[in-house]
Amino acid sequence: MRIILLLLLFTGCTSNVVKENIVENVKIEVYFCPEDDCERILFNFLNSSEKSIHCALYDLDLDKIIKLLEEKQAKLIIDDNNYQNFSFDVKKDSSSRVMHNKFCVVDEKKVFTGSFNPTEKGAYFNNNNMLIIESSYISRNYEDEFNELWFNLNQTKISYPIVNYHIENYFCPEDNCGKEIIEEIRAAKSSIYFMMFSFTHPEIANELVLKHYEGIEVKGVMESRQISKYSRFDLFKFQGINVKKDNNKHNMHHKVFIIDNETVITGSFNPTKNGDYKNDENIIIINDKNIAKLFLEEFRELW
């Protein structure tokens, strides 16, 4: 089990717009599918609930997870393209956008997030990452996002966007996720590695090209079946950036940047215009060398 313990100072704003500092012990577990048993890990996480489970999932077809959510009387938001007649409290997102999140909040104090859809392909065939974060303040952000989707509320900024510069948490489109990623890329001093299912975002791609010409090492693995005339793969090749197509006959489904062997950006967000401006997405930015090391190991395995 890959567990990182952090003592973090939270800086955020309350509902009365008063800044406050709170110290909290945060536990982060990092897993990679299919090497880790992501279905079992998610099952145990959800089964630990004592009060509530609130999930926003793009897709779900794992029978054990569905049965557990029924037993626990969970609430689920799911994209309308993947809606089923579940026998628990489910709402489908029927807007024109894609509800692309993959997160669950348990008891308002811990959250699962990452690139992992709880599906057979997601657990046993595709390359994915999942994080389990025990933090009441990070969980509050995800709970607020769930409520926004559940009650169809107006999009609002999150309550605790910055956590002592160790963790930042954003939701698209309201939090300008692309802008936050570009700022992290611009700050890179030595290296940027990425693992991307889909990459069509021109501004983010251009920032990588600029960093490459500054002498920063830029390397990436991209899902082969997503490479099209809209993909930035050919641009990267033309500009001399070291990019490869993945070798998984299924899907390399990560959405990850690793910057300076210290910062990890992950979540549901593919760097695309739809991901940035239209879809419901989330990203989490973690500044910790130990966590970055785990993602670097995954990158090297895929490379």
C-alpha atoms as a PDB file:
ATOM      1  CA  MET A   1       0.000   0.000   0.000  1.00  0.00           C
ATOM      2  CA  ARG A   2       1.376   3.382  -1.003  1.00  0.00           C
ATOM      3  CA  ILE A   3       0.491   5.874   1.726  1.00  0.00           C
ATOM      4  CA  ILE A   4       1.861   9.377   2.257  1.00  0.00           C
ATOM      5  CA  LEU A   5       1.194  11.328   5.455  1.00  0.00           C
ATOM      6  CA  LEU A   6       1.316  15.113   5.277  1.00  0.00           C
ATOM      7  CA  LEU A   7       0.902  17.762   7.965  1.00  0.00           C
ATOM      8  CA  LEU A   8      -0.638  20.659   6.093  1.00  0.00           C
ATOM      9  CA  LEU A   9      -1.619  24.228   6.860  1.00  0.00           C
ATOM     10  CA  PHE A  10      -4.866  25.063   5.095  1.00  0.00           C
ATOM     11  CA  THR A  11      -5.444  28.623   3.948  1.00  0.00           C
ATOM     12  CA  GLY A  12      -8.954  29.315   2.737  1.00  0.00           C
ATOM     13  CA  CYS A  13     -12.044  31.459   2.997  1.00  0.00           C
ATOM     14  CA  THR A  14     -15.134  30.669   5.002  1.00  0.00           C
ATOM     15  CA  SER A  15     -18.614  31.396   3.721  1.00  0.00           C
ATOM     16  CA  ASN A  16     -18.247  34.836   5.326  1.00  0.00           C
ATOM     17  CA  VAL A  17     -15.136  35.476   3.203  1.00  0.00           C
ATOM     18  CA  VAL A  18     -12.835  35.473   6.240  1.00  0.00           C
ATOM     19  CA  LYS A  19      -9.419  33.889   5.745  1.00  0.00           C
ATOM     20  CA  GLU A  20      -8.479  31.193   8.232  1.00  0.00           C
ATOM     21  CA  ASN A  21      -5.524  28.895   8.781  1.00  0.00           C
ATOM     22  CA  ILE A  22      -6.126  25.319   9.904  1.00  0.00           C
ATOM     23  CA  VAL A  23      -3.550  22.604  10.520  1.00  0.00           C
ATOM     24  CA  GLU A  24      -4.652  19.103   9.562  1.00  0.00           C
ATOM     25  CA  ASN A  25      -3.004  15.709   9.234  1.00  0.00           C
ATOM     26  CA  VAL A  26      -3.734  14.464   5.722  1.00  0.00           C
ATOM     27  CA  LYS A  27      -3.297  10.880   4.521  1.00  0.00           C
ATOM     28  CA  ILE A  28      -2.990  10.240   0.789  1.00  0.00           C
ATOM     29  CA  GLU A  29      -3.061   6.748  -0.705  1.00  0.00           C
ATOM     30  CA  VAL A  30      -1.922   6.330  -4.331  1.00  0.00           C
ATOM     31  CA  TYR A  31      -2.835   3.359  -6.516  1.00  0.00           C
ATOM     32  CA  PHE A  32      -2.408   2.407 -10.157  1.00  0.00           C
ATOM     33  CA  CYS A  33      -4.764   0.162 -12.102  1.00  0.00           C
ATOM     34  CA  PRO A  34      -4.577  -2.577 -13.262  1.00  0.00           C
ATOM     35  CA  GLU A  35      -1.447  -3.394 -11.195  1.00  0.00           C
ATOM     36  CA  ASP A  36      -3.304  -2.588  -7.967  1.00  0.00           C
ATOM     37  CA  ASP A  37      -6.722  -4.114  -7.327  1.00  0.00           C
ATOM     38  CA  CYS A  38      -8.627  -0.869  -7.791  1.00  0.00           C
ATOM     39  CA  GLU A  39     -12.051  -2.489  -7.500  1.00  0.00           C
ATOM     40  CA  ARG A  40     -11.214  -4.012  -4.110  1.00  0.00           C
ATOM     41  CA  ILE A  41      -9.581  -0.801  -2.897  1.00  0.00           C
ATOM     42  CA  LEU A  42     -12.585   1.303  -3.896  1.00  0.00           C
ATOM     43  CA  PHE A  43     -14.971  -1.257  -2.377  1.00  0.00           C
ATOM     44  CA  ASN A  44     -13.154  -1.114   0.970  1.00  0.00           C
ATOM     45  CA  PHE A  45     -13.089   2.682   0.848  1.00  0.00           C
ATOM     46  CA  LEU A  46     -16.834   2.908   0.232  1.00  0.00           C
ATOM     47  CA  ASN A  47     -17.607   0.143   2.718  1.00  0.00           C
ATOM     48  CA  SER A  48     -15.890   2.161   5.461  1.00  0.00           C
ATOM     49  CA  SER A  49     -18.692   4.732   5.358  1.00  0.00           C
ATOM     50  CA  GLU A  50     -20.761   5.241   8.477  1.00  0.00           C
ATOM     51  CA  LYS A  51     -22.959   8.136   7.404  1.00  0.00           C
ATOM     52  CA  SER A  52     -22.925   9.028   3.721  1.00  0.00           C
ATOM     53  CA  ILE A  53     -21.518   8.289   0.271  1.00  0.00           C
ATOM     54  CA  HIS A  54     -21.826  10.927  -2.433  1.00  0.00           C
ATOM     55  CA  CYS A  55     -20.389  10.068  -5.862  1.00  0.00           C
ATOM     56  CA  ALA A  56     -20.041  11.884  -9.170  1.00  0.00           C
ATOM     57  CA  LEU A  57     -19.000   9.293 -11.757  1.00  0.00           C
ATOM     58  CA  TYR A  58     -18.800   9.425 -15.515  1.00  0.00           C
ATOM     59  CA  ASP A  59     -19.339   5.662 -15.743  1.00  0.00           C
ATOM     60  CA  LEU A  60     -20.026   2.699 -13.458  1.00  0.00           C
ATOM     61  CA  ASP A  61     -20.557  -0.994 -14.230  1.00  0.00           C
ATOM     62  CA  LEU A  62     -18.785  -2.961 -11.461  1.00  0.00           C
ATOM     63  CA  ASP A  63     -21.501  -5.129  -9.904  1.00  0.00           C
ATOM     64  CA  LYS A  64     -19.910  -5.301  -6.444  1.00  0.00           C
ATOM     65  CA  ILE A  65     -19.605  -1.521  -6.282  1.00  0.00           C
ATOM     66  CA  ILE A  66     -23.189  -1.042  -7.507  1.00  0.00           C
ATOM     67  CA  LYS A  67     -24.538  -3.497  -4.915  1.00  0.00           C
ATOM     68  CA  LEU A  68     -22.570  -1.807  -2.135  1.00  0.00           C
ATOM     69  CA  LEU A  69     -23.838   1.639  -3.138  1.00  0.00           C
ATOM     70  CA  GLU A  70     -27.364   0.230  -3.001  1.00  0.00           C
ATOM     71  CA  GLU A  71     -26.790  -1.261   0.461  1.00  0.00           C
ATOM     72  CA  LYS A  72     -25.258   1.977   1.733  1.00  0.00           C
ATOM     73  CA  GLN A  73     -28.077   4.090   0.241  1.00  0.00           C
ATOM     74  CA  ALA A  74     -25.557   6.229  -1.584  1.00  0.00           C
ATOM     75  CA  LYS A  75     -26.257   9.198  -3.800  1.00  0.00           C
ATOM     76  CA  LEU A  76     -24.842   9.177  -7.319  1.00  0.00           C
ATOM     77  CA  ILE A  77     -24.604  11.694 -10.157  1.00  0.00           C
ATOM     78  CA  ILE A  78     -23.751   9.976 -13.448  1.00  0.00           C
ATOM     79  CA  ASP A  79     -23.404  11.177 -17.013  1.00  0.00           C
ATOM     80  CA  ASP A  80     -26.610  10.555 -18.946  1.00  0.00           C
ATOM     81  CA  ASN A  81     -24.795   8.433 -21.543  1.00  0.00           C
ATOM     82  CA  ASN A  82     -24.041   5.856 -18.830  1.00  0.00           C
ATOM     83  CA  TYR A  83     -27.257   6.055 -16.818  1.00  0.00           C
ATOM     84  CA  GLN A  84     -28.857   2.816 -15.613  1.00  0.00           C
ATOM     85  CA  ASN A  85     -31.911   2.081 -13.490  1.00  0.00           C
ATOM     86  CA  PHE A  86     -29.961   1.660 -10.264  1.00  0.00           C
ATOM     87  CA  SER A  87     -32.004   0.834  -7.155  1.00  0.00           C
ATOM     88  CA  PHE A  88     -30.601   3.712  -5.115  1.00  0.00           C
ATOM     89  CA  ASP A  89     -30.699   7.506  -5.311  1.00  0.00           C
ATOM     90  CA  VAL A  90     -29.288   8.406  -8.731  1.00  0.00           C
ATOM     91  CA  LYS A  91     -29.515  11.488 -10.883  1.00  0.00           C
ATOM     92  CA  LYS A  92     -28.280  11.692 -14.434  1.00  0.00           C
ATOM     93  CA  ASP A  93     -26.583  14.754 -15.811  1.00  0.00           C
ATOM     94  CA  SER A  94     -28.704  15.427 -18.890  1.00  0.00           C
ATOM     95  CA  SER A  95     -27.072  18.685 -19.951  1.00  0.00           C
ATOM     96  CA  SER A  96     -25.246  19.038 -23.253  1.00  0.00           C
ATOM     97  CA  ARG A  97     -21.908  18.894 -21.444  1.00  0.00           C
ATOM     98  CA  VAL A  98     -20.195  15.718 -20.253  1.00  0.00           C
ATOM     99  CA  MET A  99     -20.213  15.023 -16.507  1.00  0.00           C
ATOM    100  CA  HIS A 100     -16.711  13.538 -16.568  1.00  0.00           C
ATOM    101  CA  ASN A 101     -15.839  13.462 -12.844  1.00  0.00           C
ATOM    102  CA  LYS A 102     -14.641  10.348 -11.052  1.00  0.00           C
ATOM    103  CA  PHE A 103     -14.949  11.017  -7.328  1.00  0.00           C
ATOM    104  CA  CYS A 104     -16.742   9.837  -4.198  1.00  0.00           C
ATOM    105  CA  VAL A 105     -16.922  11.537  -0.813  1.00  0.00           C
ATOM    106  CA  VAL A 106     -17.344   9.318   2.258  1.00  0.00           C
ATOM    107  CA  ASP A 107     -18.730  10.749   5.511  1.00  0.00           C
ATOM    108  CA  GLU A 108     -17.649  14.244   4.400  1.00  0.00           C
ATOM    109  CA  LYS A 109     -14.102  13.486   5.545  1.00  0.00           C
ATOM    110  CA  LYS A 110     -12.360  11.442   2.848  1.00  0.00           C
ATOM    111  CA  VAL A 111     -12.473  11.370  -0.920  1.00  0.00           C
ATOM    112  CA  PHE A 112     -11.584   9.094  -3.820  1.00  0.00           C
ATOM    113  CA  THR A 113     -10.496  10.797  -7.055  1.00  0.00           C
ATOM    114  CA  GLY A 114      -8.226  10.312 -10.074  1.00  0.00           C
ATOM    115  CA  SER A 115      -8.681   8.987 -13.619  1.00  0.00           C
ATOM    116  CA  PHE A 116     -10.367   5.702 -12.629  1.00  0.00           C
ATOM    117  CA  ASN A 117     -13.939   5.021 -13.749  1.00  0.00           C
ATOM    118  CA  PRO A 118     -15.350   2.121 -11.658  1.00  0.00           C
ATOM    119  CA  THR A 119     -15.840  -0.135 -14.664  1.00  0.00           C
ATOM    120  CA  GLU A 120     -14.425  -3.512 -15.627  1.00  0.00           C
ATOM    121  CA  LYS A 121     -12.229  -1.890 -18.270  1.00  0.00           C
ATOM    122  CA  GLY A 122     -11.165   0.856 -15.877  1.00  0.00           C
ATOM    123  CA  ALA A 123     -10.162  -1.584 -13.155  1.00  0.00           C
ATOM    124  CA  TYR A 124      -8.658  -4.483 -15.086  1.00  0.00           C
ATOM    125  CA  PHE A 125      -7.534  -3.321 -18.525  1.00  0.00           C
ATOM    126  CA  ASN A 126      -6.906   0.429 -18.743  1.00  0.00           C
ATOM    127  CA  ASN A 127      -4.001   2.297 -17.153  1.00  0.00           C
ATOM    128  CA  ASN A 128      -5.481   4.505 -14.439  1.00  0.00           C
ATOM    129  CA  ASN A 129      -4.607   6.176 -11.171  1.00  0.00           C
ATOM    130  CA  MET A 130      -6.700   6.588  -8.060  1.00  0.00           C
ATOM    131  CA  LEU A 131      -6.089   8.606  -4.918  1.00  0.00           C
ATOM    132  CA  ILE A 132      -7.770   8.269  -1.545  1.00  0.00           C
ATOM    133  CA  ILE A 133      -7.364  11.435   0.501  1.00  0.00           C
ATOM    134  CA  GLU A 134      -8.357  11.693   4.153  1.00  0.00           C
ATOM    135  CA  SER A 135      -8.932  15.398   4.758  1.00  0.00           C
ATOM    136  CA  SER A 136     -12.096  17.093   5.931  1.00  0.00           C
ATOM    137  CA  TYR A 137     -11.193  20.271   4.047  1.00  0.00           C
ATOM    138  CA  ILE A 138     -10.366  18.635   0.722  1.00  0.00           C
ATOM    139  CA  SER A 139     -13.516  16.546   1.170  1.00  0.00           C
ATOM    140  CA  ARG A 140     -15.522  19.709   1.730  1.00  0.00           C
ATOM    141  CA  ASN A 141     -14.464  20.948  -1.700  1.00  0.00           C
ATOM    142  CA  TYR A 142     -15.667  17.748  -3.347  1.00  0.00           C
ATOM    143  CA  GLU A 143     -18.849  17.712  -1.269  1.00  0.00           C
ATOM    144  CA  ASP A 144     -19.607  21.267  -2.402  1.00  0.00           C
ATOM    145  CA  GLU A 145     -19.058  20.217  -6.023  1.00  0.00           C
ATOM    146  CA  PHE A 146     -21.344  17.213  -5.556  1.00  0.00           C
ATOM    147  CA  ASN A 147     -24.074  19.448  -4.125  1.00  0.00           C
ATOM    148  CA  GLU A 148     -23.665  21.857  -7.021  1.00  0.00           C
ATOM    149  CA  LEU A 149     -24.313  19.003  -9.441  1.00  0.00           C
ATOM    150  CA  TRP A 150     -27.022  17.322  -7.359  1.00  0.00           C
ATOM    151  CA  PHE A 151     -29.083  20.460  -6.759  1.00  0.00           C
ATOM    152  CA  ASN A 152     -28.202  22.088 -10.097  1.00  0.00           C
ATOM    153  CA  LEU A 153     -26.732  25.116  -8.335  1.00  0.00           C
ATOM    154  CA  ASN A 154     -24.845  27.940  -9.961  1.00  0.00           C
ATOM    155  CA  GLN A 155     -21.156  27.213 -10.362  1.00  0.00           C
ATOM    156  CA  THR A 156     -19.147  28.721  -7.519  1.00  0.00           C
ATOM    157  CA  LYS A 157     -15.498  28.844  -6.538  1.00  0.00           C
ATOM    158  CA  ILE A 158     -14.339  26.207  -4.104  1.00  0.00           C
ATOM    159  CA  SER A 159     -13.909  27.001  -0.416  1.00  0.00           C
ATOM    160  CA  TYR A 160     -10.313  25.911   0.178  1.00  0.00           C
ATOM    161  CA  PRO A 161      -8.393  26.242  -3.105  1.00  0.00           C
ATOM    162  CA  ILE A 162      -4.886  26.347  -1.649  1.00  0.00           C
ATOM    163  CA  VAL A 163      -3.453  24.151   1.090  1.00  0.00           C
ATOM    164  CA  ASN A 164      -0.086  25.567   2.150  1.00  0.00           C
ATOM    165  CA  TYR A 165       1.004  25.174  -1.485  1.00  0.00           C
ATOM    166  CA  HIS A 166       1.087  21.386  -0.981  1.00  0.00           C
ATOM    167  CA  ILE A 167      -2.364  20.647  -2.390  1.00  0.00           C
ATOM    168  CA  GLU A 168      -4.548  22.668  -4.725  1.00  0.00           C
ATOM    169  CA  ASN A 169      -7.967  21.489  -5.848  1.00  0.00           C
ATOM    170  CA  TYR A 170     -10.001  22.886  -8.762  1.00  0.00           C
ATOM    171  CA  PHE A 171     -13.203  22.144 -10.649  1.00  0.00           C
ATOM    172  CA  CYS A 172     -13.832  22.882 -14.301  1.00  0.00           C
ATOM    173  CA  PRO A 173     -15.161  24.905 -15.939  1.00  0.00           C
ATOM    174  CA  GLU A 174     -15.669  27.405 -13.113  1.00  0.00           C
ATOM    175  CA  ASP A 175     -12.103  27.315 -11.756  1.00  0.00           C
ATOM    176  CA  ASN A 176     -10.226  27.732 -15.068  1.00  0.00           C
ATOM    177  CA  CYS A 177      -8.385  24.419 -14.789  1.00  0.00           C
ATOM    178  CA  GLY A 178      -6.382  25.006 -17.964  1.00  0.00           C
ATOM    179  CA  LYS A 179      -5.047  28.273 -16.564  1.00  0.00           C
ATOM    180  CA  GLU A 180      -3.951  26.559 -13.350  1.00  0.00           C
ATOM    181  CA  ILE A 181      -2.128  23.844 -15.321  1.00  0.00           C
ATOM    182  CA  ILE A 182      -0.413  26.430 -17.531  1.00  0.00           C
ATOM    183  CA  GLU A 183       0.842  28.263 -14.436  1.00  0.00           C
ATOM    184  CA  GLU A 184       2.360  25.042 -13.099  1.00  0.00           C
ATOM    185  CA  ILE A 185       4.007  24.324 -16.469  1.00  0.00           C
ATOM    186  CA  ARG A 186       5.432  27.850 -16.658  1.00  0.00           C
ATOM    187  CA  ALA A 187       7.009  27.397 -13.234  1.00  0.00           C
ATOM    188  CA  ALA A 188       8.867  24.212 -14.269  1.00  0.00           C
ATOM    189  CA  LYS A 189      12.632  24.419 -13.771  1.00  0.00           C
ATOM    190  CA  SER A 190      13.959  21.028 -14.889  1.00  0.00           C
ATOM    191  CA  SER A 191      11.414  18.529 -16.250  1.00  0.00           C
ATOM    192  CA  ILE A 192       7.823  17.944 -17.323  1.00  0.00           C
ATOM    193  CA  TYR A 193       6.548  14.412 -17.917  1.00  0.00           C
ATOM    194  CA  PHE A 194       2.985  13.658 -18.915  1.00  0.00           C
ATOM    195  CA  MET A 195       0.663  10.673 -19.444  1.00  0.00           C
ATOM    196  CA  MET A 196      -2.444  11.689 -21.394  1.00  0.00           C
ATOM    197  CA  PHE A 197      -5.460   9.867 -22.763  1.00  0.00           C
ATOM    198  CA  SER A 198      -6.440  12.842 -24.933  1.00  0.00           C
ATOM    199  CA  PHE A 199      -4.434  16.018 -25.612  1.00  0.00           C
ATOM    200  CA  THR A 200      -5.865  18.637 -27.971  1.00  0.00           C
ATOM    201  CA  HIS A 201      -5.637  21.846 -25.882  1.00  0.00           C
ATOM    202  CA  PRO A 202      -3.584  24.333 -27.985  1.00  0.00           C
ATOM    203  CA  GLU A 203      -2.549  26.709 -25.194  1.00  0.00           C
ATOM    204  CA  ILE A 204      -1.345  23.965 -22.849  1.00  0.00           C
ATOM    205  CA  ALA A 205       0.505  22.311 -25.735  1.00  0.00           C
ATOM    206  CA  ASN A 206       2.145  25.614 -26.680  1.00  0.00           C
ATOM    207  CA  GLU A 207       3.390  26.089 -23.113  1.00  0.00           C
ATOM    208  CA  LEU A 208       5.064  22.680 -23.286  1.00  0.00           C
ATOM    209  CA  VAL A 209       6.738  23.653 -26.560  1.00  0.00           C
ATOM    210  CA  LEU A 210       8.008  26.895 -25.017  1.00  0.00           C
ATOM    211  CA  LYS A 211       9.429  25.018 -22.013  1.00  0.00           C
ATOM    212  CA  HIS A 212      11.098  22.570 -24.394  1.00  0.00           C
ATOM    213  CA  TYR A 213      12.848  25.477 -26.127  1.00  0.00           C
ATOM    214  CA  GLU A 214      13.919  26.825 -22.737  1.00  0.00           C
ATOM    215  CA  GLY A 215      15.859  23.590 -22.247  1.00  0.00           C
ATOM    216  CA  ILE A 216      13.369  21.928 -19.897  1.00  0.00           C
ATOM    217  CA  GLU A 217      13.117  18.168 -20.443  1.00  0.00           C
ATOM    218  CA  VAL A 218       9.621  17.428 -21.779  1.00  0.00           C
ATOM    219  CA  LYS A 219       8.507  13.816 -22.344  1.00  0.00           C
ATOM    220  CA  GLY A 220       5.076  12.300 -22.783  1.00  0.00           C
ATOM    221  CA  VAL A 221       3.120   9.094 -23.314  1.00  0.00           C
ATOM    222  CA  MET A 222      -0.167   9.488 -25.199  1.00  0.00           C
ATOM    223  CA  GLU A 223      -3.026   7.088 -25.903  1.00  0.00           C
ATOM    224  CA  SER A 224      -2.489   5.842 -29.450  1.00  0.00           C
ATOM    225  CA  ARG A 225      -6.179   5.617 -30.372  1.00  0.00           C
ATOM    226  CA  GLN A 226      -6.757   9.258 -29.453  1.00  0.00           C
ATOM    227  CA  ILE A 227      -4.128  10.551 -31.868  1.00  0.00           C
ATOM    228  CA  SER A 228      -5.962  12.332 -34.686  1.00  0.00           C
ATOM    229  CA  LYS A 229      -5.686  15.543 -36.676  1.00  0.00           C
ATOM    230  CA  TYR A 230      -6.813  17.395 -33.529  1.00  0.00           C
ATOM    231  CA  SER A 231      -4.244  15.739 -31.275  1.00  0.00           C
ATOM    232  CA  ARG A 232      -1.056  17.626 -30.321  1.00  0.00           C
ATOM    233  CA  PHE A 233       1.064  14.499 -30.828  1.00  0.00           C
ATOM    234  CA  ASP A 234       2.314  15.539 -34.296  1.00  0.00           C
ATOM    235  CA  LEU A 235       3.014  19.084 -33.085  1.00  0.00           C
ATOM    236  CA  PHE A 236       5.151  17.733 -30.258  1.00  0.00           C
ATOM    237  CA  LYS A 237       7.041  15.460 -32.651  1.00  0.00           C
ATOM    238  CA  PHE A 238       7.603  18.310 -35.120  1.00  0.00           C
ATOM    239  CA  GLN A 239       8.941  20.559 -32.347  1.00  0.00           C
ATOM    240  CA  GLY A 240      11.369  17.874 -31.159  1.00  0.00           C
ATOM    241  CA  ILE A 241       9.552  16.908 -27.969  1.00  0.00           C
ATOM    242  CA  ASN A 242      10.061  13.285 -26.964  1.00  0.00           C
ATOM    243  CA  VAL A 243       6.573  11.743 -27.096  1.00  0.00           C
ATOM    244  CA  LYS A 244       5.500   8.134 -27.516  1.00  0.00           C
ATOM    245  CA  LYS A 245       2.292   6.290 -28.272  1.00  0.00           C
ATOM    246  CA  ASP A 246       1.239   3.945 -25.489  1.00  0.00           C
ATOM    247  CA  ASN A 247       1.525   0.160 -25.852  1.00  0.00           C
ATOM    248  CA  ASN A 248      -1.635  -0.864 -23.987  1.00  0.00           C
ATOM    249  CA  LYS A 249      -3.983  -2.645 -26.395  1.00  0.00           C
ATOM    250  CA  HIS A 250      -6.807  -1.222 -24.295  1.00  0.00           C
ATOM    251  CA  ASN A 251      -6.569   2.396 -23.034  1.00  0.00           C
ATOM    252  CA  MET A 252      -3.835   4.405 -21.385  1.00  0.00           C
ATOM    253  CA  HIS A 253      -6.366   6.504 -19.484  1.00  0.00           C
ATOM    254  CA  HIS A 254      -4.155   8.681 -17.242  1.00  0.00           C
ATOM    255  CA  LYS A 255      -4.486  12.469 -17.153  1.00  0.00           C
ATOM    256  CA  VAL A 256      -1.213  13.297 -15.400  1.00  0.00           C
ATOM    257  CA  PHE A 257       1.547  15.901 -15.416  1.00  0.00           C
ATOM    258  CA  ILE A 258       4.685  15.410 -13.286  1.00  0.00           C
ATOM    259  CA  ILE A 259       6.726  18.593 -12.903  1.00  0.00           C
ATOM    260  CA  ASP A 260      10.293  18.859 -11.543  1.00  0.00           C
ATOM    261  CA  ASN A 261       9.963  15.415  -9.891  1.00  0.00           C
ATOM    262  CA  GLU A 262       7.936  17.158  -7.211  1.00  0.00           C
ATOM    263  CA  THR A 263       4.508  18.272  -8.446  1.00  0.00           C
ATOM    264  CA  VAL A 264       1.723  15.982  -9.682  1.00  0.00           C
ATOM    265  CA  ILE A 265      -1.414  17.122 -11.489  1.00  0.00           C
ATOM    266  CA  THR A 266      -4.114  14.475 -11.870  1.00  0.00           C
ATOM    267  CA  GLY A 267      -7.876  14.025 -11.881  1.00  0.00           C
ATOM    268  CA  SER A 268     -10.531  13.610 -14.563  1.00  0.00           C
ATOM    269  CA  PHE A 269      -9.295  16.454 -16.789  1.00  0.00           C
ATOM    270  CA  ASN A 270      -7.918  15.738 -20.253  1.00  0.00           C
ATOM    271  CA  PRO A 271      -6.179  18.820 -21.712  1.00  0.00           C
ATOM    272  CA  THR A 272      -8.868  19.591 -24.270  1.00  0.00           C
ATOM    273  CA  LYS A 273     -11.080  22.616 -24.879  1.00  0.00           C
ATOM    274  CA  ASN A 274     -14.156  20.628 -23.844  1.00  0.00           C
ATOM    275  CA  GLY A 275     -12.403  19.549 -20.661  1.00  0.00           C
ATOM    276  CA  ASP A 276     -11.474  23.136 -19.862  1.00  0.00           C
ATOM    277  CA  TYR A 277     -14.571  25.099 -20.840  1.00  0.00           C
ATOM    278  CA  LYS A 278     -17.521  22.724 -21.114  1.00  0.00           C
ATOM    279  CA  ASN A 279     -17.325  19.449 -19.182  1.00  0.00           C
ATOM    280  CA  ASP A 280     -17.669  18.980 -15.434  1.00  0.00           C
ATOM    281  CA  GLU A 281     -14.159  17.964 -14.370  1.00  0.00           C
ATOM    282  CA  ASN A 282     -11.801  18.116 -11.409  1.00  0.00           C
ATOM    283  CA  ILE A 283      -8.055  18.351 -10.940  1.00  0.00           C
ATOM    284  CA  ILE A 284      -5.854  18.061  -7.892  1.00  0.00           C
ATOM    285  CA  ILE A 285      -2.314  19.454  -7.749  1.00  0.00           C
ATOM    286  CA  ILE A 286      -0.036  17.875  -5.143  1.00  0.00           C
ATOM    287  CA  ASN A 287       3.415  19.237  -4.368  1.00  0.00           C
ATOM    288  CA  ASP A 288       5.216  16.379  -2.653  1.00  0.00           C
ATOM    289  CA  LYS A 289       8.346  14.512  -3.780  1.00  0.00           C
ATOM    290  CA  ASN A 290       7.205  11.185  -2.340  1.00  0.00           C
ATOM    291  CA  ILE A 291       3.937  11.247  -4.253  1.00  0.00           C
ATOM    292  CA  ALA A 292       5.694  12.471  -7.387  1.00  0.00           C
ATOM    293  CA  LYS A 293       8.081   9.517  -7.083  1.00  0.00           C
ATOM    294  CA  LEU A 294       5.158   7.075  -7.278  1.00  0.00           C
ATOM    295  CA  PHE A 295       3.821   8.715 -10.428  1.00  0.00           C
ATOM    296  CA  LEU A 296       7.326   8.786 -11.913  1.00  0.00           C
ATOM    297  CA  GLU A 297       7.545   5.027 -11.432  1.00  0.00           C
ATOM    298  CA  GLU A 298       4.276   4.626 -13.329  1.00  0.00           C
ATOM    299  CA  PHE A 299       5.517   6.942 -16.087  1.00  0.00           C
ATOM    300  CA  ARG A 300       8.743   4.966 -16.470  1.00  0.00           C
ATOM    301  CA  GLU A 301       6.842   1.687 -16.669  1.00  0.00           C
ATOM    302  CA  LEU A 302       4.678   3.046 -19.479  1.00  0.00           C
ATOM    303  CA  TRP A 303       7.645   4.700 -21.192  1.00  0.00           C
END
